[in-house]
PDB file of all heavy atoms in Angstrom:
ATOM      1  N   GLU A   1     136.886  67.766 136.143  1.00  0.00           N
ATOM      2  CA  GLU A   1     138.025  67.190 136.854  1.00  0.00           C
ATOM      3  C   GLU A   1     138.663  68.226 137.775  1.00  0.00           C
ATOM      4  O   GLU A   1     138.998  67.940 138.926  1.00  0.00           O
ATOM      5  CB  GLU A   1     139.060  66.674 135.851  1.00  0.00           C
ATOM      6  CG  GLU A   1     138.549  65.615 134.902  1.00  0.00           C
ATOM      7  CD  GLU A   1     138.238  64.312 135.603  1.00  0.00           C
ATOM      8  OE1 GLU A   1     139.166  63.705 136.188  1.00  0.00           O
ATOM      9  OE2 GLU A   1     137.056  63.897 135.585  1.00  0.00           O
ATOM     10  N   LEU A   2     138.834  69.446 137.258  1.00  0.00           N
ATOM     11  CA  LEU A   2     139.371  70.537 138.078  1.00  0.00           C
ATOM     12  C   LEU A   2     138.404  70.883 139.209  1.00  0.00           C
ATOM     13  O   LEU A   2     138.821  71.082 140.360  1.00  0.00           O
ATOM     14  CB  LEU A   2     139.626  71.769 137.210  1.00  0.00           C
ATOM     15  CG  LEU A   2     140.013  73.057 137.959  1.00  0.00           C
ATOM     16  CD1 LEU A   2     141.343  72.885 138.685  1.00  0.00           C
ATOM     17  CD2 LEU A   2     140.071  74.245 137.002  1.00  0.00           C
ATOM     18  N   ASP A   3     137.118  70.953 138.885  1.00  0.00           N
ATOM     19  CA  ASP A   3     136.106  71.284 139.897  1.00  0.00           C
ATOM     20  C   ASP A   3     136.174  70.307 141.074  1.00  0.00           C
ATOM     21  O   ASP A   3     136.133  70.713 142.241  1.00  0.00           O
ATOM     22  CB  ASP A   3     134.698  71.230 139.288  1.00  0.00           C
ATOM     23  CG  ASP A   3     134.488  72.238 138.167  1.00  0.00           C
ATOM     24  OD1 ASP A   3     135.298  73.187 138.061  1.00  0.00           O
ATOM     25  OD2 ASP A   3     133.527  72.067 137.396  1.00  0.00           O
ATOM     26  N   GLN A   4     136.255  69.024 140.745  1.00  0.00           N
ATOM     27  CA  GLN A   4     136.273  68.005 141.793  1.00  0.00           C
ATOM     28  C   GLN A   4     137.549  68.113 142.634  1.00  0.00           C
ATOM     29  O   GLN A   4     137.519  67.922 143.865  1.00  0.00           O
ATOM     30  CB  GLN A   4     136.158  66.602 141.177  1.00  0.00           C
ATOM     31  CG  GLN A   4     134.882  66.357 140.387  1.00  0.00           C
ATOM     32  CD  GLN A   4     133.622  66.427 141.237  1.00  0.00           C
ATOM     33  OE1 GLN A   4     133.669  66.244 142.454  1.00  0.00           O
ATOM     34  NE2 GLN A   4     132.488  66.702 140.608  1.00  0.00           N
ATOM     35  N   PHE A   5     138.649  68.427 141.981  1.00  0.00           N
ATOM     36  CA  PHE A   5     139.919  68.600 142.698  1.00  0.00           C
ATOM     37  C   PHE A   5     139.829  69.770 143.673  1.00  0.00           C
ATOM     38  O   PHE A   5     140.213  69.653 144.849  1.00  0.00           O
ATOM     39  CB  PHE A   5     141.055  68.825 141.707  1.00  0.00           C
ATOM     40  CG  PHE A   5     142.371  69.180 142.337  1.00  0.00           C
ATOM     41  CD1 PHE A   5     143.134  68.199 142.964  1.00  0.00           C
ATOM     42  CD2 PHE A   5     142.849  70.485 142.314  1.00  0.00           C
ATOM     43  CE1 PHE A   5     144.353  68.525 143.566  1.00  0.00           C
ATOM     44  CE2 PHE A   5     144.057  70.816 142.913  1.00  0.00           C
ATOM     45  CZ  PHE A   5     144.814  69.836 143.543  1.00  0.00           C
ATOM     46  N   VAL A   6     139.314  70.901 143.194  1.00  0.00           N
ATOM     47  CA  VAL A   6     139.232  72.106 144.035  1.00  0.00           C
ATOM     48  C   VAL A   6     138.282  71.891 145.212  1.00  0.00           C
ATOM     49  O   VAL A   6     138.580  72.272 146.346  1.00  0.00           O
ATOM     50  CB  VAL A   6     138.782  73.327 143.193  1.00  0.00           C
ATOM     51  CG1 VAL A   6     138.500  74.538 144.077  1.00  0.00           C
ATOM     52  CG2 VAL A   6     139.849  73.675 142.159  1.00  0.00           C
ATOM     53  N   LYS A   7     137.136  71.259 144.938  1.00  0.00           N
ATOM     54  CA  LYS A   7     136.138  71.084 145.992  1.00  0.00           C
ATOM     55  C   LYS A   7     136.490  69.951 146.966  1.00  0.00           C
ATOM     56  O   LYS A   7     136.322  70.099 148.179  1.00  0.00           O
ATOM     57  CB  LYS A   7     134.758  70.806 145.378  1.00  0.00           C
ATOM     58  CG  LYS A   7     134.199  71.952 144.551  1.00  0.00           C
ATOM     59  CD  LYS A   7     133.926  73.198 145.375  1.00  0.00           C
ATOM     60  CE  LYS A   7     132.740  73.027 146.295  1.00  0.00           C
ATOM     61  NZ  LYS A   7     132.430  74.282 147.033  1.00  0.00           N
ATOM     62  N   ASN A   8     136.968  68.820 146.435  1.00  0.00           N
ATOM     63  CA  ASN A   8     137.138  67.630 147.270  1.00  0.00           C
ATOM     64  C   ASN A   8     138.553  67.442 147.807  1.00  0.00           C
ATOM     65  O   ASN A   8     138.729  66.863 148.886  1.00  0.00           O
ATOM     66  CB  ASN A   8     136.720  66.379 146.491  1.00  0.00           C
ATOM     67  CG  ASN A   8     135.247  66.424 146.114  1.00  0.00           C
ATOM     68  OD1 ASN A   8     134.416  66.883 146.879  1.00  0.00           O
ATOM     69  ND2 ASN A   8     134.933  65.968 144.912  1.00  0.00           N
ATOM     70  N   LYS A   9     139.551  67.903 147.060  1.00  0.00           N
ATOM     71  CA  LYS A   9     140.942  67.768 147.526  1.00  0.00           C
ATOM     72  C   LYS A   9     141.411  69.029 148.257  1.00  0.00           C
ATOM     73  O   LYS A   9     141.959  68.952 149.355  1.00  0.00           O
ATOM     74  CB  LYS A   9     141.874  67.464 146.344  1.00  0.00           C
ATOM     75  CG  LYS A   9     141.572  66.155 145.629  1.00  0.00           C
ATOM     76  CD  LYS A   9     141.832  64.952 146.534  1.00  0.00           C
ATOM     77  CE  LYS A   9     141.609  63.645 145.773  1.00  0.00           C
ATOM     78  NZ  LYS A   9     141.814  62.466 146.634  1.00  0.00           N
ATOM     79  N   LEU A  10     141.185  70.192 147.632  1.00  0.00           N
ATOM     80  CA  LEU A  10     141.600  71.437 148.277  1.00  0.00           C
ATOM     81  C   LEU A  10     140.599  71.887 149.338  1.00  0.00           C
ATOM     82  O   LEU A  10     140.937  72.716 150.180  1.00  0.00           O
ATOM     83  CB  LEU A  10     141.773  72.545 147.231  1.00  0.00           C
ATOM     84  CG  LEU A  10     142.812  72.310 146.130  1.00  0.00           C
ATOM     85  CD1 LEU A  10     142.943  73.551 145.249  1.00  0.00           C
ATOM     86  CD2 LEU A  10     144.164  71.939 146.717  1.00  0.00           C
ATOM     87  N   LYS A  11     139.376  71.356 149.255  1.00  0.00           N
ATOM     88  CA  LYS A  11     138.316  71.726 150.199  1.00  0.00           C
ATOM     89  C   LYS A  11     138.014  73.227 150.153  1.00  0.00           C
ATOM     90  O   LYS A  11     137.702  73.847 151.185  1.00  0.00           O
ATOM     91  CB  LYS A  11     138.697  71.328 151.635  1.00  0.00           C
ATOM     92  CG  LYS A  11     139.056  69.865 151.817  1.00  0.00           C
ATOM     93  CD  LYS A  11     137.861  68.964 151.588  1.00  0.00           C
ATOM     94  CE  LYS A  11     138.211  67.498 151.848  1.00  0.00           C
ATOM     95  NZ  LYS A  11     137.095  66.580 151.568  1.00  0.00           N
ATOM     96  N   ALA A  12     138.102  73.802 148.948  1.00  0.00           N
ATOM     97  CA  ALA A  12     137.783  75.227 148.785  1.00  0.00           C
ATOM     98  C   ALA A  12     136.262  75.387 148.762  1.00  0.00           C
ATOM     99  O   ALA A  12     135.588  74.847 147.884  1.00  0.00           O
ATOM    100  CB  ALA A  12     138.399  75.762 147.501  1.00  0.00           C
ATOM    101  N   ARG A  13     135.711  76.126 149.696  1.00  0.00           N
ATOM    102  CA  ARG A  13     134.259  76.245 149.836  1.00  0.00           C
ATOM    103  C   ARG A  13     133.674  77.236 148.837  1.00  0.00           C
ATOM    104  O   ARG A  13     132.571  77.038 148.331  1.00  0.00           O
ATOM    105  CB  ARG A  13     133.903  76.698 151.256  1.00  0.00           C
ATOM    106  CG  ARG A  13     134.255  75.692 152.321  1.00  0.00           C
ATOM    107  CD  ARG A  13     133.900  76.213 153.704  1.00  0.00           C
ATOM    108  NE  ARG A  13     132.452  76.367 153.862  1.00  0.00           N
ATOM    109  CZ  ARG A  13     131.882  76.918 154.925  1.00  0.00           C
ATOM    110  NH1 ARG A  13     132.645  77.387 155.905  1.00  0.00           N
ATOM    111  NH2 ARG A  13     130.561  77.006 155.013  1.00  0.00           N
ATOM    112  N   TYR A  14     134.413  78.307 148.553  1.00  0.00           N
ATOM    113  CA  TYR A  14     133.823  79.412 147.792  1.00  0.00           C
ATOM    114  C   TYR A  14     134.444  79.489 146.394  1.00  0.00           C
ATOM    115  O   TYR A  14     135.242  80.380 146.086  1.00  0.00           O
ATOM    116  CB  TYR A  14     133.991  80.722 148.564  1.00  0.00           C
ATOM    117  CG  TYR A  14     133.424  80.637 149.964  1.00  0.00           C
ATOM    118  CD1 TYR A  14     134.230  80.837 151.083  1.00  0.00           C
ATOM    119  CD2 TYR A  14     132.077  80.318 150.172  1.00  0.00           C
ATOM    120  CE1 TYR A  14     133.706  80.741 152.365  1.00  0.00           C
ATOM    121  CE2 TYR A  14     131.551  80.210 151.449  1.00  0.00           C
ATOM    122  CZ  TYR A  14     132.375  80.428 152.539  1.00  0.00           C
ATOM    123  OH  TYR A  14     131.845  80.317 153.802  1.00  0.00           O
ATOM    124  N   TYR A  15     134.058  78.524 145.575  1.00  0.00           N
ATOM    125  CA  TYR A  15     134.627  78.346 144.234  1.00  0.00           C
ATOM    126  C   TYR A  15     133.500  78.401 143.204  1.00  0.00           C
ATOM    127  O   TYR A  15     132.448  77.781 143.384  1.00  0.00           O
ATOM    128  CB  TYR A  15     135.338  76.996 144.178  1.00  0.00           C
ATOM    129  CG  TYR A  15     135.714  76.487 142.799  1.00  0.00           C
ATOM    130  CD1 TYR A  15     136.827  76.982 142.130  1.00  0.00           C
ATOM    131  CD2 TYR A  15     134.965  75.475 142.186  1.00  0.00           C
ATOM    132  CE1 TYR A  15     137.183  76.483 140.876  1.00  0.00           C
ATOM    133  CE2 TYR A  15     135.321  74.972 140.940  1.00  0.00           C
ATOM    134  CZ  TYR A  15     136.428  75.482 140.292  1.00  0.00           C
ATOM    135  OH  TYR A  15     136.778  74.993 139.057  1.00  0.00           O
ATOM    136  N   ILE A  16     133.724  79.151 142.130  1.00  0.00           N
ATOM    137  CA  ILE A  16     132.754  79.252 141.031  1.00  0.00           C
ATOM    138  C   ILE A  16     133.516  79.120 139.721  1.00  0.00           C
ATOM    139  O   ILE A  16     134.568  79.737 139.549  1.00  0.00           O
ATOM    140  CB  ILE A  16     132.031  80.625 141.035  1.00  0.00           C
ATOM    141  CG1 ILE A  16     131.266  80.847 142.331  1.00  0.00           C
ATOM    142  CG2 ILE A  16     131.077  80.738 139.842  1.00  0.00           C
ATOM    143  CD1 ILE A  16     130.769  82.285 142.492  1.00  0.00           C
ATOM    144  N   ARG A  17     132.953  78.330 138.795  1.00  0.00           N
ATOM    145  CA  ARG A  17     133.566  78.252 137.454  1.00  0.00           C
ATOM    146  C   ARG A  17     132.522  78.553 136.389  1.00  0.00           C
ATOM    147  O   ARG A  17     131.377  78.096 136.473  1.00  0.00           O
ATOM    148  CB  ARG A  17     134.181  76.869 137.189  1.00  0.00           C
ATOM    149  CG  ARG A  17     134.859  76.802 135.805  1.00  0.00           C
ATOM    150  CD  ARG A  17     135.523  75.456 135.559  1.00  0.00           C
ATOM    151  NE  ARG A  17     134.575  74.346 135.585  1.00  0.00           N
ATOM    152  CZ  ARG A  17     133.776  74.041 134.555  1.00  0.00           C
ATOM    153  NH1 ARG A  17     133.790  74.761 133.433  1.00  0.00           N
ATOM    154  NH2 ARG A  17     132.957  73.018 134.654  1.00  0.00           N
ATOM    155  N   TYR A  18     132.960  79.313 135.384  1.00  0.00           N
ATOM    156  CA  TYR A  18     132.128  79.585 134.207  1.00  0.00           C
ATOM    157  C   TYR A  18     133.015  79.363 132.983  1.00  0.00           C
ATOM    158  O   TYR A  18     133.890  80.180 132.684  1.00  0.00           O
ATOM    159  CB  TYR A  18     131.575  81.014 134.225  1.00  0.00           C
ATOM    160  CG  TYR A  18     130.472  81.231 133.220  1.00  0.00           C
ATOM    161  CD1 TYR A  18     129.135  81.089 133.588  1.00  0.00           C
ATOM    162  CD2 TYR A  18     130.753  81.536 131.887  1.00  0.00           C
ATOM    163  CE1 TYR A  18     128.114  81.259 132.667  1.00  0.00           C
ATOM    164  CE2 TYR A  18     129.748  81.697 130.961  1.00  0.00           C
ATOM    165  CZ  TYR A  18     128.433  81.568 131.355  1.00  0.00           C
ATOM    166  OH  TYR A  18     127.421  81.729 130.426  1.00  0.00           O
ATOM    167  N   VAL A  19     132.823  78.256 132.300  1.00  0.00           N
ATOM    168  CA  VAL A  19     133.690  77.782 131.201  1.00  0.00           C
ATOM    169  C   VAL A  19     135.125  77.715 131.731  1.00  0.00           C
ATOM    170  O   VAL A  19     135.381  76.983 132.681  1.00  0.00           O
ATOM    171  CB  VAL A  19     133.575  78.658 129.929  1.00  0.00           C
ATOM    172  CG1 VAL A  19     134.207  77.921 128.742  1.00  0.00           C
ATOM    173  CG2 VAL A  19     132.113  78.984 129.592  1.00  0.00           C
ATOM    174  N   ASP A  20     136.055  78.485 131.164  1.00  0.00           N
ATOM    175  CA  ASP A  20     137.454  78.386 131.586  1.00  0.00           C
ATOM    176  C   ASP A  20     137.852  79.477 132.569  1.00  0.00           C
ATOM    177  O   ASP A  20     139.028  79.594 132.923  1.00  0.00           O
ATOM    178  CB  ASP A  20     138.389  78.411 130.369  1.00  0.00           C
ATOM    179  CG  ASP A  20     138.183  79.650 129.506  1.00  0.00           C
ATOM    180  OD1 ASP A  20     137.074  80.194 129.499  1.00  0.00           O
ATOM    181  OD2 ASP A  20     139.136  80.076 128.828  1.00  0.00           O
ATOM    182  N   ASP A  21     136.899  80.286 133.014  1.00  0.00           N
ATOM    183  CA  ASP A  21     137.147  81.283 134.054  1.00  0.00           C
ATOM    184  C   ASP A  21     136.693  80.730 135.396  1.00  0.00           C
ATOM    185  O   ASP A  21     135.606  80.150 135.490  1.00  0.00           O
ATOM    186  CB  ASP A  21     136.363  82.575 133.785  1.00  0.00           C
ATOM    187  CG  ASP A  21     136.909  83.343 132.594  1.00  0.00           C
ATOM    188  OD1 ASP A  21     138.124  83.279 132.360  1.00  0.00           O
ATOM    189  OD2 ASP A  21     136.120  83.995 131.905  1.00  0.00           O
ATOM    190  N   PHE A  22     137.489  80.930 136.427  1.00  0.00           N
ATOM    191  CA  PHE A  22     137.032  80.513 137.751  1.00  0.00           C
ATOM    192  C   PHE A  22     137.530  81.486 138.812  1.00  0.00           C
ATOM    193  O   PHE A  22     138.471  82.257 138.599  1.00  0.00           O
ATOM    194  CB  PHE A  22     137.456  79.076 138.070  1.00  0.00           C
ATOM    195  CG  PHE A  22     138.938  78.853 138.235  1.00  0.00           C
ATOM    196  CD1 PHE A  22     139.563  79.034 139.466  1.00  0.00           C
ATOM    197  CD2 PHE A  22     139.703  78.423 137.152  1.00  0.00           C
ATOM    198  CE1 PHE A  22     140.920  78.814 139.613  1.00  0.00           C
ATOM    199  CE2 PHE A  22     141.066  78.191 137.295  1.00  0.00           C
ATOM    200  CZ  PHE A  22     141.673  78.393 138.536  1.00  0.00           C
ATOM    201  N   VAL A  23     136.851  81.455 139.940  1.00  0.00           N
ATOM    202  CA  VAL A  23     137.192  82.344 141.049  1.00  0.00           C
ATOM    203  C   VAL A  23     137.049  81.561 142.345  1.00  0.00           C
ATOM    204  O   VAL A  23     136.154  80.725 142.488  1.00  0.00           O
ATOM    205  CB  VAL A  23     136.288  83.603 141.038  1.00  0.00           C
ATOM    206  CG1 VAL A  23     134.832  83.250 141.208  1.00  0.00           C
ATOM    207  CG2 VAL A  23     136.712  84.612 142.096  1.00  0.00           C
ATOM    208  N   ILE A  24     137.980  81.784 143.259  1.00  0.00           N
ATOM    209  CA  ILE A  24     137.903  81.219 144.614  1.00  0.00           C
ATOM    210  C   ILE A  24     138.026  82.382 145.595  1.00  0.00           C
ATOM    211  O   ILE A  24     138.960  83.183 145.493  1.00  0.00           O
ATOM    212  CB  ILE A  24     139.015  80.195 144.899  1.00  0.00           C
ATOM    213  CG1 ILE A  24     139.081  79.123 143.802  1.00  0.00           C
ATOM    214  CG2 ILE A  24     138.795  79.533 146.257  1.00  0.00           C
ATOM    215  CD1 ILE A  24     140.246  78.145 143.975  1.00  0.00           C
ATOM    216  N   LEU A  25     137.118  82.463 146.541  1.00  0.00           N
ATOM    217  CA  LEU A  25     137.147  83.508 147.558  1.00  0.00           C
ATOM    218  C   LEU A  25     137.608  82.920 148.885  1.00  0.00           C
ATOM    219  O   LEU A  25     137.302  81.764 149.201  1.00  0.00           O
ATOM    220  CB  LEU A  25     135.768  84.149 147.730  1.00  0.00           C
ATOM    221  CG  LEU A  25     135.314  85.148 146.663  1.00  0.00           C
ATOM    222  CD1 LEU A  25     135.052  84.466 145.325  1.00  0.00           C
ATOM    223  CD2 LEU A  25     134.047  85.892 147.105  1.00  0.00           C
ATOM    224  N   HIS A  26     138.352  83.727 149.636  1.00  0.00           N
ATOM    225  CA  HIS A  26     138.819  83.276 150.957  1.00  0.00           C
ATOM    226  C   HIS A  26     139.189  84.486 151.799  1.00  0.00           C
ATOM    227  O   HIS A  26     139.489  85.561 151.270  1.00  0.00           O
ATOM    228  CB  HIS A  26     140.026  82.346 150.814  1.00  0.00           C
ATOM    229  CG  HIS A  26     140.226  81.458 152.004  1.00  0.00           C
ATOM    230  ND1 HIS A  26     140.887  81.873 153.143  1.00  0.00           N
ATOM    231  CD2 HIS A  26     139.844  80.173 152.246  1.00  0.00           C
ATOM    232  CE1 HIS A  26     140.894  80.889 154.023  1.00  0.00           C
ATOM    233  NE2 HIS A  26     140.278  79.845 153.507  1.00  0.00           N
ATOM    234  N   GLU A  27     139.199  84.274 153.121  1.00  0.00           N
ATOM    235  CA  GLU A  27     139.569  85.353 154.042  1.00  0.00           C
ATOM    236  C   GLU A  27     141.059  85.661 153.991  1.00  0.00           C
ATOM    237  O   GLU A  27     141.486  86.787 154.248  1.00  0.00           O
ATOM    238  CB  GLU A  27     139.192  84.976 155.488  1.00  0.00           C
ATOM    239  CG  GLU A  27     137.713  84.741 155.708  1.00  0.00           C
ATOM    240  CD  GLU A  27     137.310  83.288 155.484  1.00  0.00           C
ATOM    241  OE1 GLU A  27     138.100  82.530 154.862  1.00  0.00           O
ATOM    242  OE2 GLU A  27     136.210  82.905 155.912  1.00  0.00           O
ATOM    243  N   GLU A  28     141.879  84.630 153.642  1.00  0.00           N
ATOM    244  CA  GLU A  28     143.331  84.767 153.725  1.00  0.00           C
ATOM    245  C   GLU A  28     143.986  84.702 152.350  1.00  0.00           C
ATOM    246  O   GLU A  28     143.736  83.778 151.578  1.00  0.00           O
ATOM    247  CB  GLU A  28     143.907  83.659 154.606  1.00  0.00           C
ATOM    248  CG  GLU A  28     143.376  83.662 156.039  1.00  0.00           C
ATOM    249  CD  GLU A  28     143.836  82.439 156.814  1.00  0.00           C
ATOM    250  OE1 GLU A  28     144.758  81.738 156.325  1.00  0.00           O
ATOM    251  OE2 GLU A  28     143.269  82.185 157.884  1.00  0.00           O
ATOM    252  N   LYS A  29     144.821  85.666 152.082  1.00  0.00           N
ATOM    253  CA  LYS A  29     145.556  85.717 150.808  1.00  0.00           C
ATOM    254  C   LYS A  29     146.503  84.521 150.682  1.00  0.00           C
ATOM    255  O   LYS A  29     146.654  83.947 149.595  1.00  0.00           O
ATOM    256  CB  LYS A  29     146.340  87.029 150.726  1.00  0.00           C
ATOM    257  CG  LYS A  29     147.050  87.255 149.416  1.00  0.00           C
ATOM    258  CD  LYS A  29     147.739  88.611 149.398  1.00  0.00           C
ATOM    259  CE  LYS A  29     148.431  88.848 148.062  1.00  0.00           C
ATOM    260  NZ  LYS A  29     149.103  90.181 148.025  1.00  0.00           N
ATOM    261  N   GLU A  30     147.140  84.143 151.802  1.00  0.00           N
ATOM    262  CA  GLU A  30     148.107  83.046 151.777  1.00  0.00           C
ATOM    263  C   GLU A  30     147.441  81.718 151.392  1.00  0.00           C
ATOM    264  O   GLU A  30     148.035  80.896 150.702  1.00  0.00           O
ATOM    265  CB  GLU A  30     148.788  82.912 153.144  1.00  0.00           C
ATOM    266  CG  GLU A  30     149.685  84.075 153.534  1.00  0.00           C
ATOM    267  CD  GLU A  30     148.905  85.332 153.934  1.00  0.00           C
ATOM    268  OE1 GLU A  30     147.684  85.201 154.252  1.00  0.00           O
ATOM    269  OE2 GLU A  30     149.493  86.428 153.913  1.00  0.00           O
ATOM    270  N   LYS A  31     146.212  81.535 151.864  1.00  0.00           N
ATOM    271  CA  LYS A  31     145.489  80.307 151.533  1.00  0.00           C
ATOM    272  C   LYS A  31     145.226  80.228 150.029  1.00  0.00           C
ATOM    273  O   LYS A  31     145.385  79.168 149.412  1.00  0.00           O
ATOM    274  CB  LYS A  31     144.155  80.276 152.285  1.00  0.00           C
ATOM    275  CG  LYS A  31     143.442  78.944 152.240  1.00  0.00           C
ATOM    276  CD  LYS A  31     144.137  77.899 153.080  1.00  0.00           C
ATOM    277  CE  LYS A  31     143.321  76.618 153.172  1.00  0.00           C
ATOM    278  NZ  LYS A  31     144.020  75.591 153.959  1.00  0.00           N
ATOM    279  N   LEU A  32     144.836  81.348 149.441  1.00  0.00           N
ATOM    280  CA  LEU A  32     144.589  81.378 147.994  1.00  0.00           C
ATOM    281  C   LEU A  32     145.877  81.160 147.204  1.00  0.00           C
ATOM    282  O   LEU A  32     145.862  80.531 146.142  1.00  0.00           O
ATOM    283  CB  LEU A  32     143.951  82.714 147.600  1.00  0.00           C
ATOM    284  CG  LEU A  32     142.509  82.935 148.091  1.00  0.00           C
ATOM    285  CD1 LEU A  32     142.019  84.325 147.706  1.00  0.00           C
ATOM    286  CD2 LEU A  32     141.577  81.870 147.527  1.00  0.00           C
ATOM    287  N   SER A  33     146.971  81.673 147.726  1.00  0.00           N
ATOM    288  CA  SER A  33     148.268  81.451 147.065  1.00  0.00           C
ATOM    289  C   SER A  33     148.605  79.957 147.046  1.00  0.00           C
ATOM    290  O   SER A  33     149.094  79.428 146.037  1.00  0.00           O
ATOM    291  CB  SER A  33     149.356  82.240 147.794  1.00  0.00           C
ATOM    292  OG  SER A  33     150.598  82.069 147.151  1.00  0.00           O
ATOM    293  N   GLY A  34     148.320  79.276 148.157  1.00  0.00           N
ATOM    294  CA  GLY A  34     148.529  77.827 148.213  1.00  0.00           C
ATOM    295  C   GLY A  34     147.622  77.092 147.240  1.00  0.00           C
ATOM    296  O   GLY A  34     148.055  76.162 146.548  1.00  0.00           O
TER     297      GLY A  34
END
């Protein structure tokens, strides 16, 4: 459910999840804060 939200609603391209750990990469710090 979280994966689908991050990928389809937030449109975060560089997202990886492993069990309850996840990481999102981006060029802008402000975007990640949002």
